[in-house]
């Protein structure tokens, strides 16, 4: 079982990585020299979803995106994506795309969920480089797409300067995984993944040398519970420094909640929590 899960997870990760990279690279080439405020959504939509119909979920019946209308800090913009679909074997949210239209890399994250996720909700913090539409697009297991969008006023988040460039070669990423102590067996339970990582965009300058600091960021996250996939995410530098994610899982029995994170230097870090049902 674990081998099958591992193979499926690896295959999914590769496919999502290719999609994220292709969307970002194609976008960068196509929009070179273009007006930063032009409507980029049609291009993004065509490259990510082809001719698929996307329902604008104004009432939040399937997916809802919460983000500030005007961010206090463009480098740390809180984002909350919630869904109103019960994650069952027959019907569930399989993916959530987080898009930031005006960012240099507009595909900020692609989150994959399973029925064992309990709820396909995610909270995190992102960088915003310019006034932009931010979009959460939920894909159901039958392929149907639903979108919630929010206009966010913020600028300079991806290129915000460091005081002095960190030594990425010597840096050792760390992370902590924790769960809500009030979990109930068979009910979605909240968990949080906190990663100590610069998540450098490659757009910020060292204020001493005026040279650009190389890109170096978390690119893949996999979370499992008792050997079953809970959350898989392909992310990039649009996620803020020290990435932080709040998500759900379904604790039906005792087991290990495990997170594996890989960054662009192929450094892998793991964190686990032993969950004892009825002991919290």
C-alpha atoms as a PDB file:
ATOM      1  CA  UNK A   1       0.000   0.000   0.000  1.00  0.00           C
ATOM      2  CA  UNK A   2       2.731   2.450   0.969  1.00  0.00           C
ATOM      3  CA  UNK A   3       4.612   1.696  -2.276  1.00  0.00           C
ATOM      4  CA  UNK A   4       1.487   2.366  -4.318  1.00  0.00           C
ATOM      5  CA  UNK A   5       0.842   5.622  -2.477  1.00  0.00           C
ATOM      6  CA  UNK A   6       4.459   6.672  -2.976  1.00  0.00           C
ATOM      7  CA  UNK A   7       4.380   5.967  -6.718  1.00  0.00           C
ATOM      8  CA  UNK A   8       1.066   7.794  -7.162  1.00  0.00           C
ATOM      9  CA  UNK A   9       2.308  10.749  -5.120  1.00  0.00           C
ATOM     10  CA  UNK A  10       5.551  10.947  -7.114  1.00  0.00           C
ATOM     11  CA  UNK A  11       3.714  10.794 -10.430  1.00  0.00           C
ATOM     12  CA  UNK A  12       1.297  13.492  -9.295  1.00  0.00           C
ATOM     13  CA  UNK A  13       4.147  15.692  -8.085  1.00  0.00           C
ATOM     14  CA  UNK A  14       5.944  15.443 -11.417  1.00  0.00           C
ATOM     15  CA  UNK A  15       2.811  16.281 -13.391  1.00  0.00           C
ATOM     16  CA  UNK A  16       1.963  19.261 -11.219  1.00  0.00           C
ATOM     17  CA  UNK A  17       5.563  20.481 -11.277  1.00  0.00           C
ATOM     18  CA  UNK A  18       5.556  20.410 -15.075  1.00  0.00           C
ATOM     19  CA  UNK A  19       2.244  22.274 -15.179  1.00  0.00           C
ATOM     20  CA  UNK A  20       3.420  24.958 -12.757  1.00  0.00           C
ATOM     21  CA  UNK A  21       6.744  25.416 -14.559  1.00  0.00           C
ATOM     22  CA  UNK A  22       5.154  25.527 -18.002  1.00  0.00           C
ATOM     23  CA  UNK A  23       2.548  28.068 -16.979  1.00  0.00           C
ATOM     24  CA  UNK A  24       5.129  30.337 -15.360  1.00  0.00           C
ATOM     25  CA  UNK A  25       7.709  30.093 -18.156  1.00  0.00           C
ATOM     26  CA  UNK A  26       5.205  30.517 -20.982  1.00  0.00           C
ATOM     27  CA  UNK A  27       3.745  33.473 -19.167  1.00  0.00           C
ATOM     28  CA  UNK A  28       7.121  35.146 -18.683  1.00  0.00           C
ATOM     29  CA  UNK A  29       8.003  34.820 -22.379  1.00  0.00           C
ATOM     30  CA  UNK A  30       4.616  35.919 -23.649  1.00  0.00           C
ATOM     31  CA  UNK A  31       4.336  38.954 -21.441  1.00  0.00           C
ATOM     32  CA  UNK A  32       7.857  40.322 -21.709  1.00  0.00           C
ATOM     33  CA  UNK A  33       7.566  44.054 -22.130  1.00  0.00           C
ATOM     34  CA  UNK A  34       3.796  44.044 -21.736  1.00  0.00           C
ATOM     35  CA  UNK A  35       1.871  46.554 -19.635  1.00  0.00           C
ATOM     36  CA  UNK A  36       2.000  45.285 -16.051  1.00  0.00           C
ATOM     37  CA  UNK A  37      -1.658  46.166 -15.510  1.00  0.00           C
ATOM     38  CA  UNK A  38      -3.126  44.450 -18.567  1.00  0.00           C
ATOM     39  CA  UNK A  39      -5.641  41.649 -18.103  1.00  0.00           C
ATOM     40  CA  UNK A  40      -3.564  38.478 -17.824  1.00  0.00           C
ATOM     41  CA  UNK A  41      -6.386  36.154 -16.840  1.00  0.00           C
ATOM     42  CA  UNK A  42      -7.383  35.081 -20.399  1.00  0.00           C
ATOM     43  CA  UNK A  43      -3.819  33.875 -21.046  1.00  0.00           C
ATOM     44  CA  UNK A  44      -3.578  32.075 -17.723  1.00  0.00           C
ATOM     45  CA  UNK A  45      -6.959  30.462 -18.199  1.00  0.00           C
ATOM     46  CA  UNK A  46      -6.124  29.203 -21.686  1.00  0.00           C
ATOM     47  CA  UNK A  47      -2.795  27.708 -20.614  1.00  0.00           C
ATOM     48  CA  UNK A  48      -4.009  26.085 -17.407  1.00  0.00           C
ATOM     49  CA  UNK A  49      -7.563  25.032 -18.233  1.00  0.00           C
ATOM     50  CA  UNK A  50      -7.833  25.126 -22.042  1.00  0.00           C
ATOM     51  CA  UNK A  51     -11.522  25.372 -22.994  1.00  0.00           C
ATOM     52  CA  UNK A  52     -12.937  24.019 -19.747  1.00  0.00           C
ATOM     53  CA  UNK A  53     -15.933  25.876 -18.343  1.00  0.00           C
ATOM     54  CA  UNK A  54     -15.274  27.704 -15.063  1.00  0.00           C
ATOM     55  CA  UNK A  55     -18.202  28.649 -12.850  1.00  0.00           C
ATOM     56  CA  UNK A  56     -17.740  31.961 -11.026  1.00  0.00           C
ATOM     57  CA  UNK A  57     -18.744  30.999  -7.511  1.00  0.00           C
ATOM     58  CA  UNK A  58     -19.904  34.428  -6.323  1.00  0.00           C
ATOM     59  CA  UNK A  59     -21.940  32.990  -3.467  1.00  0.00           C
ATOM     60  CA  UNK A  60     -19.153  30.686  -2.272  1.00  0.00           C
ATOM     61  CA  UNK A  61     -21.263  27.551  -2.665  1.00  0.00           C
ATOM     62  CA  UNK A  62     -18.179  25.481  -3.538  1.00  0.00           C
ATOM     63  CA  UNK A  63     -15.117  27.659  -2.923  1.00  0.00           C
ATOM     64  CA  UNK A  64     -14.459  30.968  -1.213  1.00  0.00           C
ATOM     65  CA  UNK A  65     -11.285  33.081  -1.195  1.00  0.00           C
ATOM     66  CA  UNK A  66     -10.573  35.533   1.613  1.00  0.00           C
ATOM     67  CA  UNK A  67      -7.760  38.081   1.242  1.00  0.00           C
ATOM     68  CA  UNK A  68      -7.396  41.729   2.284  1.00  0.00           C
ATOM     69  CA  UNK A  69      -8.558  44.374  -0.187  1.00  0.00           C
ATOM     70  CA  UNK A  70      -5.444  46.390   0.713  1.00  0.00           C
ATOM     71  CA  UNK A  71      -2.529  44.504   2.234  1.00  0.00           C
ATOM     72  CA  UNK A  72      -0.524  45.987   5.101  1.00  0.00           C
ATOM     73  CA  UNK A  73       2.617  44.159   3.961  1.00  0.00           C
ATOM     74  CA  UNK A  74       2.866  43.016   0.325  1.00  0.00           C
ATOM     75  CA  UNK A  75       5.462  40.394   1.278  1.00  0.00           C
ATOM     76  CA  UNK A  76       3.148  38.724   3.798  1.00  0.00           C
ATOM     77  CA  UNK A  77      -0.453  38.756   2.577  1.00  0.00           C
ATOM     78  CA  UNK A  78      -2.759  36.343   4.455  1.00  0.00           C
ATOM     79  CA  UNK A  79      -4.914  34.118   2.251  1.00  0.00           C
ATOM     80  CA  UNK A  80      -7.679  31.741   3.278  1.00  0.00           C
ATOM     81  CA  UNK A  81      -9.382  29.330   0.871  1.00  0.00           C
ATOM     82  CA  UNK A  82     -12.401  27.425   2.143  1.00  0.00           C
ATOM     83  CA  UNK A  83     -14.705  24.927   0.465  1.00  0.00           C
ATOM     84  CA  UNK A  84     -18.247  23.811   1.253  1.00  0.00           C
ATOM     85  CA  UNK A  85     -17.986  20.354  -0.234  1.00  0.00           C
ATOM     86  CA  UNK A  86     -17.876  17.324   2.037  1.00  0.00           C
ATOM     87  CA  UNK A  87     -14.888  15.206   1.005  1.00  0.00           C
ATOM     88  CA  UNK A  88     -16.511  11.837   0.240  1.00  0.00           C
ATOM     89  CA  UNK A  89     -15.322   8.997  -2.005  1.00  0.00           C
ATOM     90  CA  UNK A  90     -17.979   9.868  -4.579  1.00  0.00           C
ATOM     91  CA  UNK A  91     -17.601  13.649  -4.634  1.00  0.00           C
ATOM     92  CA  UNK A  92     -14.733  15.767  -3.427  1.00  0.00           C
ATOM     93  CA  UNK A  93     -12.475  18.710  -4.270  1.00  0.00           C
ATOM     94  CA  UNK A  94      -9.379  17.185  -5.874  1.00  0.00           C
ATOM     95  CA  UNK A  95      -7.351  20.354  -6.528  1.00  0.00           C
ATOM     96  CA  UNK A  96      -7.283  24.017  -5.606  1.00  0.00           C
ATOM     97  CA  UNK A  97      -5.284  26.443  -7.763  1.00  0.00           C
ATOM     98  CA  UNK A  98      -4.078  29.657  -6.149  1.00  0.00           C
ATOM     99  CA  UNK A  99      -3.360  32.231  -8.865  1.00  0.00           C
ATOM    100  CA  UNK A 100      -2.012  35.775  -8.499  1.00  0.00           C
ATOM    101  CA  UNK A 101      -2.471  37.317 -11.939  1.00  0.00           C
ATOM    102  CA  UNK A 102       0.123  40.101 -11.784  1.00  0.00           C
ATOM    103  CA  UNK A 103       2.890  38.206 -10.007  1.00  0.00           C
ATOM    104  CA  UNK A 104       6.037  37.306 -11.991  1.00  0.00           C
ATOM    105  CA  UNK A 105       5.060  33.667 -11.457  1.00  0.00           C
ATOM    106  CA  UNK A 106       1.258  33.794 -11.325  1.00  0.00           C
ATOM    107  CA  UNK A 107       0.733  30.125 -10.382  1.00  0.00           C
ATOM    108  CA  UNK A 108       1.438  30.539  -6.694  1.00  0.00           C
ATOM    109  CA  UNK A 109       0.352  27.033  -5.702  1.00  0.00           C
ATOM    110  CA  UNK A 110      -1.532  23.944  -6.790  1.00  0.00           C
ATOM    111  CA  UNK A 111      -2.944  22.017  -3.836  1.00  0.00           C
ATOM    112  CA  UNK A 112      -4.172  18.432  -4.245  1.00  0.00           C
ATOM    113  CA  UNK A 113      -6.648  16.874  -1.810  1.00  0.00           C
ATOM    114  CA  UNK A 114      -8.237  13.470  -1.195  1.00  0.00           C
ATOM    115  CA  UNK A 115     -11.347  12.266   0.658  1.00  0.00           C
ATOM    116  CA  UNK A 116      -9.025  11.678   3.634  1.00  0.00           C
ATOM    117  CA  UNK A 117      -8.344  15.423   3.739  1.00  0.00           C
ATOM    118  CA  UNK A 118     -11.711  15.894   5.451  1.00  0.00           C
ATOM    119  CA  UNK A 119     -11.955  19.437   4.134  1.00  0.00           C
ATOM    120  CA  UNK A 120     -10.196  20.963   1.117  1.00  0.00           C
ATOM    121  CA  UNK A 121      -9.375  24.179   2.978  1.00  0.00           C
ATOM    122  CA  UNK A 122      -6.007  25.922   3.107  1.00  0.00           C
ATOM    123  CA  UNK A 123      -4.594  29.010   4.773  1.00  0.00           C
ATOM    124  CA  UNK A 124      -1.204  30.506   3.934  1.00  0.00           C
ATOM    125  CA  UNK A 125       0.651  33.788   3.295  1.00  0.00           C
ATOM    126  CA  UNK A 126       1.741  35.073  -0.098  1.00  0.00           C
ATOM    127  CA  UNK A 127       3.786  37.770  -1.792  1.00  0.00           C
ATOM    128  CA  UNK A 128       2.023  40.223  -4.111  1.00  0.00           C
ATOM    129  CA  UNK A 129       4.127  42.203  -6.586  1.00  0.00           C
ATOM    130  CA  UNK A 130       1.470  44.534  -8.017  1.00  0.00           C
ATOM    131  CA  UNK A 131      -2.230  45.379  -7.754  1.00  0.00           C
ATOM    132  CA  UNK A 132      -3.861  42.165  -8.874  1.00  0.00           C
ATOM    133  CA  UNK A 133      -6.739  39.786  -9.102  1.00  0.00           C
ATOM    134  CA  UNK A 134      -6.150  36.790  -6.869  1.00  0.00           C
ATOM    135  CA  UNK A 135      -8.058  33.595  -7.701  1.00  0.00           C
ATOM    136  CA  UNK A 136      -8.874  30.314  -5.999  1.00  0.00           C
ATOM    137  CA  UNK A 137     -10.072  27.705  -8.484  1.00  0.00           C
ATOM    138  CA  UNK A 138     -11.444  24.460  -7.110  1.00  0.00           C
ATOM    139  CA  UNK A 139     -11.464  21.387  -9.315  1.00  0.00           C
ATOM    140  CA  UNK A 140     -13.898  18.624  -8.411  1.00  0.00           C
ATOM    141  CA  UNK A 141     -13.054  14.955  -8.874  1.00  0.00           C
ATOM    142  CA  UNK A 142     -15.377  14.966 -11.917  1.00  0.00           C
ATOM    143  CA  UNK A 143     -13.312  17.767 -13.480  1.00  0.00           C
ATOM    144  CA  UNK A 144     -15.761  20.646 -12.943  1.00  0.00           C
ATOM    145  CA  UNK A 145     -14.156  24.001 -12.039  1.00  0.00           C
ATOM    146  CA  UNK A 146     -15.377  26.719  -9.661  1.00  0.00           C
ATOM    147  CA  UNK A 147     -13.679  30.081  -9.066  1.00  0.00           C
ATOM    148  CA  UNK A 148     -13.642  32.684  -6.322  1.00  0.00           C
ATOM    149  CA  UNK A 149     -11.709  35.907  -7.019  1.00  0.00           C
ATOM    150  CA  UNK A 150     -10.602  38.891  -4.976  1.00  0.00           C
ATOM    151  CA  UNK A 151      -8.874  42.116  -6.043  1.00  0.00           C
ATOM    152  CA  UNK A 152      -5.887  42.898  -3.809  1.00  0.00           C
ATOM    153  CA  UNK A 153      -4.048  46.202  -3.631  1.00  0.00           C
ATOM    154  CA  UNK A 154      -0.395  45.585  -2.770  1.00  0.00           C
ATOM    155  CA  UNK A 155       2.960  46.110  -4.467  1.00  0.00           C
ATOM    156  CA  UNK A 156       6.607  45.079  -4.199  1.00  0.00           C
ATOM    157  CA  UNK A 157       6.136  41.860  -2.248  1.00  0.00           C
ATOM    158  CA  UNK A 158       8.266  39.666  -4.529  1.00  0.00           C
ATOM    159  CA  UNK A 159      11.118  42.182  -4.798  1.00  0.00           C
ATOM    160  CA  UNK A 160      11.182  43.372  -1.178  1.00  0.00           C
ATOM    161  CA  UNK A 161      14.895  43.801  -0.251  1.00  0.00           C
ATOM    162  CA  UNK A 162      16.967  41.882   2.263  1.00  0.00           C
ATOM    163  CA  UNK A 163      19.368  43.748   4.515  1.00  0.00           C
ATOM    164  CA  UNK A 164      22.186  41.276   3.779  1.00  0.00           C
ATOM    165  CA  UNK A 165      21.976  38.230   1.538  1.00  0.00           C
ATOM    166  CA  UNK A 166      21.651  34.965   3.509  1.00  0.00           C
ATOM    167  CA  UNK A 167      24.186  32.194   2.985  1.00  0.00           C
ATOM    168  CA  UNK A 168      21.926  29.691   1.247  1.00  0.00           C
ATOM    169  CA  UNK A 169      24.679  27.065   0.954  1.00  0.00           C
ATOM    170  CA  UNK A 170      25.033  26.898   4.731  1.00  0.00           C
ATOM    171  CA  UNK A 171      21.333  27.291   5.469  1.00  0.00           C
ATOM    172  CA  UNK A 172      19.492  24.317   6.969  1.00  0.00           C
ATOM    173  CA  UNK A 173      15.704  24.472   6.559  1.00  0.00           C
ATOM    174  CA  UNK A 174      13.568  23.384   9.486  1.00  0.00           C
ATOM    175  CA  UNK A 175       9.905  22.784  10.039  1.00  0.00           C
ATOM    176  CA  UNK A 176       7.340  21.942  12.680  1.00  0.00           C
ATOM    177  CA  UNK A 177       4.066  20.086  12.301  1.00  0.00           C
ATOM    178  CA  UNK A 178       1.330  20.350  14.901  1.00  0.00           C
ATOM    179  CA  UNK A 179      -2.299  19.303  15.284  1.00  0.00           C
ATOM    180  CA  UNK A 180      -5.337  20.730  17.045  1.00  0.00           C
ATOM    181  CA  UNK A 181      -5.616  19.193  20.507  1.00  0.00           C
ATOM    182  CA  UNK A 182      -9.424  19.156  20.321  1.00  0.00           C
ATOM    183  CA  UNK A 183      -9.702  16.669  17.436  1.00  0.00           C
ATOM    184  CA  UNK A 184     -12.719  14.372  17.217  1.00  0.00           C
ATOM    185  CA  UNK A 185     -12.434  10.911  15.586  1.00  0.00           C
ATOM    186  CA  UNK A 186     -14.075  10.836  12.162  1.00  0.00           C
ATOM    187  CA  UNK A 187     -14.275  14.644  11.947  1.00  0.00           C
ATOM    188  CA  UNK A 188     -11.964  16.996   9.980  1.00  0.00           C
ATOM    189  CA  UNK A 189      -9.152  18.109  12.273  1.00  0.00           C
ATOM    190  CA  UNK A 190      -6.959  21.172  11.860  1.00  0.00           C
ATOM    191  CA  UNK A 191      -3.185  20.875  11.405  1.00  0.00           C
ATOM    192  CA  UNK A 192      -0.452  23.433  10.822  1.00  0.00           C
ATOM    193  CA  UNK A 193       2.857  23.162   8.968  1.00  0.00           C
ATOM    194  CA  UNK A 194       5.470  25.821   9.744  1.00  0.00           C
ATOM    195  CA  UNK A 195       8.625  25.894   7.603  1.00  0.00           C
ATOM    196  CA  UNK A 196      11.707  27.969   8.377  1.00  0.00           C
ATOM    197  CA  UNK A 197      12.924  28.887   4.894  1.00  0.00           C
ATOM    198  CA  UNK A 198      13.893  32.136   3.076  1.00  0.00           C
ATOM    199  CA  UNK A 199      11.765  31.259   0.028  1.00  0.00           C
ATOM    200  CA  UNK A 200      13.851  33.717  -1.973  1.00  0.00           C
ATOM    201  CA  UNK A 201      12.201  34.963  -5.182  1.00  0.00           C
ATOM    202  CA  UNK A 202      15.407  35.834  -7.046  1.00  0.00           C
ATOM    203  CA  UNK A 203      14.029  39.365  -7.503  1.00  0.00           C
ATOM    204  CA  UNK A 204      15.376  40.972  -4.337  1.00  0.00           C
ATOM    205  CA  UNK A 205      18.736  42.763  -4.163  1.00  0.00           C
ATOM    206  CA  UNK A 206      21.430  42.549  -1.538  1.00  0.00           C
ATOM    207  CA  UNK A 207      21.470  46.106  -0.169  1.00  0.00           C
ATOM    208  CA  UNK A 208      25.223  45.940   0.364  1.00  0.00           C
ATOM    209  CA  UNK A 209      26.349  44.605  -3.037  1.00  0.00           C
ATOM    210  CA  UNK A 210      23.273  45.595  -5.102  1.00  0.00           C
ATOM    211  CA  UNK A 211      23.406  42.126  -6.666  1.00  0.00           C
ATOM    212  CA  UNK A 212      20.297  40.015  -7.015  1.00  0.00           C
ATOM    213  CA  UNK A 213      19.940  37.281  -4.411  1.00  0.00           C
ATOM    214  CA  UNK A 214      19.479  33.878  -6.097  1.00  0.00           C
ATOM    215  CA  UNK A 215      16.080  32.223  -6.121  1.00  0.00           C
ATOM    216  CA  UNK A 216      15.769  29.501  -3.498  1.00  0.00           C
ATOM    217  CA  UNK A 217      12.380  28.306  -2.311  1.00  0.00           C
ATOM    218  CA  UNK A 218      10.194  25.422  -1.215  1.00  0.00           C
ATOM    219  CA  UNK A 219       8.762  23.660  -4.279  1.00  0.00           C
ATOM    220  CA  UNK A 220       6.959  20.533  -3.071  1.00  0.00           C
ATOM    221  CA  UNK A 221       5.006  19.511   0.020  1.00  0.00           C
ATOM    222  CA  UNK A 222       3.470  16.117   0.767  1.00  0.00           C
ATOM    223  CA  UNK A 223       1.418  15.320   3.852  1.00  0.00           C
ATOM    224  CA  UNK A 224       0.076  11.870   4.749  1.00  0.00           C
ATOM    225  CA  UNK A 225      -1.807  10.339   7.640  1.00  0.00           C
ATOM    226  CA  UNK A 226      -1.456   6.659   8.505  1.00  0.00           C
ATOM    227  CA  UNK A 227       0.138   6.177   5.087  1.00  0.00           C
ATOM    228  CA  UNK A 228      -2.706   7.826   3.146  1.00  0.00           C
ATOM    229  CA  UNK A 229      -2.170  11.073   1.167  1.00  0.00           C
ATOM    230  CA  UNK A 230      -3.818  14.112   2.761  1.00  0.00           C
ATOM    231  CA  UNK A 231      -2.307  17.109   0.981  1.00  0.00           C
ATOM    232  CA  UNK A 232       0.149  17.570  -1.859  1.00  0.00           C
ATOM    233  CA  UNK A 233       1.254  21.027  -2.955  1.00  0.00           C
ATOM    234  CA  UNK A 234       3.410  22.417  -5.739  1.00  0.00           C
ATOM    235  CA  UNK A 235       4.415  25.913  -4.647  1.00  0.00           C
ATOM    236  CA  UNK A 236       6.877  28.629  -5.644  1.00  0.00           C
ATOM    237  CA  UNK A 237       8.309  31.944  -4.450  1.00  0.00           C
ATOM    238  CA  UNK A 238       4.899  33.624  -4.424  1.00  0.00           C
ATOM    239  CA  UNK A 239       4.550  31.932  -1.031  1.00  0.00           C
ATOM    240  CA  UNK A 240       6.011  34.195   1.659  1.00  0.00           C
ATOM    241  CA  UNK A 241       9.265  33.715   3.540  1.00  0.00           C
ATOM    242  CA  UNK A 242       8.959  31.029   6.224  1.00  0.00           C
ATOM    243  CA  UNK A 243       5.987  29.281   4.575  1.00  0.00           C
ATOM    244  CA  UNK A 244       3.078  28.492   6.851  1.00  0.00           C
ATOM    245  CA  UNK A 245       0.088  26.311   5.957  1.00  0.00           C
ATOM    246  CA  UNK A 246      -3.063  25.419   7.882  1.00  0.00           C
ATOM    247  CA  UNK A 247      -5.044  22.464   6.534  1.00  0.00           C
ATOM    248  CA  UNK A 248      -7.305  19.585   7.581  1.00  0.00           C
ATOM    249  CA  UNK A 249      -7.090  15.804   7.823  1.00  0.00           C
ATOM    250  CA  UNK A 250      -9.515  13.079   8.920  1.00  0.00           C
ATOM    251  CA  UNK A 251      -8.274  11.137  11.982  1.00  0.00           C
ATOM    252  CA  UNK A 252     -10.276   7.892  11.911  1.00  0.00           C
ATOM    253  CA  UNK A 253      -7.752   5.843  13.896  1.00  0.00           C
ATOM    254  CA  UNK A 254      -4.362   6.134  15.571  1.00  0.00           C
ATOM    255  CA  UNK A 255      -1.624   7.000  13.121  1.00  0.00           C
ATOM    256  CA  UNK A 256       1.299   9.169  12.093  1.00  0.00           C
ATOM    257  CA  UNK A 257       0.786  12.543  10.472  1.00  0.00           C
ATOM    258  CA  UNK A 258       3.854  13.092   8.293  1.00  0.00           C
ATOM    259  CA  UNK A 259       5.033  16.048   6.193  1.00  0.00           C
ATOM    260  CA  UNK A 260       7.844  15.903   3.629  1.00  0.00           C
ATOM    261  CA  UNK A 261       9.129  19.137   2.088  1.00  0.00           C
ATOM    262  CA  UNK A 262      11.587  19.551  -0.792  1.00  0.00           C
ATOM    263  CA  UNK A 263      13.164  22.845  -1.884  1.00  0.00           C
ATOM    264  CA  UNK A 264      14.905  23.960  -5.084  1.00  0.00           C
ATOM    265  CA  UNK A 265      18.295  22.796  -3.791  1.00  0.00           C
ATOM    266  CA  UNK A 266      16.772  19.318  -3.430  1.00  0.00           C
ATOM    267  CA  UNK A 267      17.037  19.549   0.338  1.00  0.00           C
ATOM    268  CA  UNK A 268      14.418  17.358   1.971  1.00  0.00           C
ATOM    269  CA  UNK A 269      13.056  17.840   5.464  1.00  0.00           C
ATOM    270  CA  UNK A 270      10.489  15.763   7.342  1.00  0.00           C
ATOM    271  CA  UNK A 271       8.333  16.221  10.398  1.00  0.00           C
ATOM    272  CA  UNK A 272       5.950  13.785  12.073  1.00  0.00           C
ATOM    273  CA  UNK A 273       3.303  13.798  14.796  1.00  0.00           C
ATOM    274  CA  UNK A 274       1.906  10.667  16.395  1.00  0.00           C
ATOM    275  CA  UNK A 275      -1.857  11.040  16.709  1.00  0.00           C
ATOM    276  CA  UNK A 276      -3.574   8.997  19.416  1.00  0.00           C
ATOM    277  CA  UNK A 277      -7.341   9.105  19.063  1.00  0.00           C
ATOM    278  CA  UNK A 278      -8.999   9.863  22.395  1.00  0.00           C
ATOM    279  CA  UNK A 279      -5.729  11.025  23.968  1.00  0.00           C
ATOM    280  CA  UNK A 280      -6.166  14.768  23.165  1.00  0.00           C
END
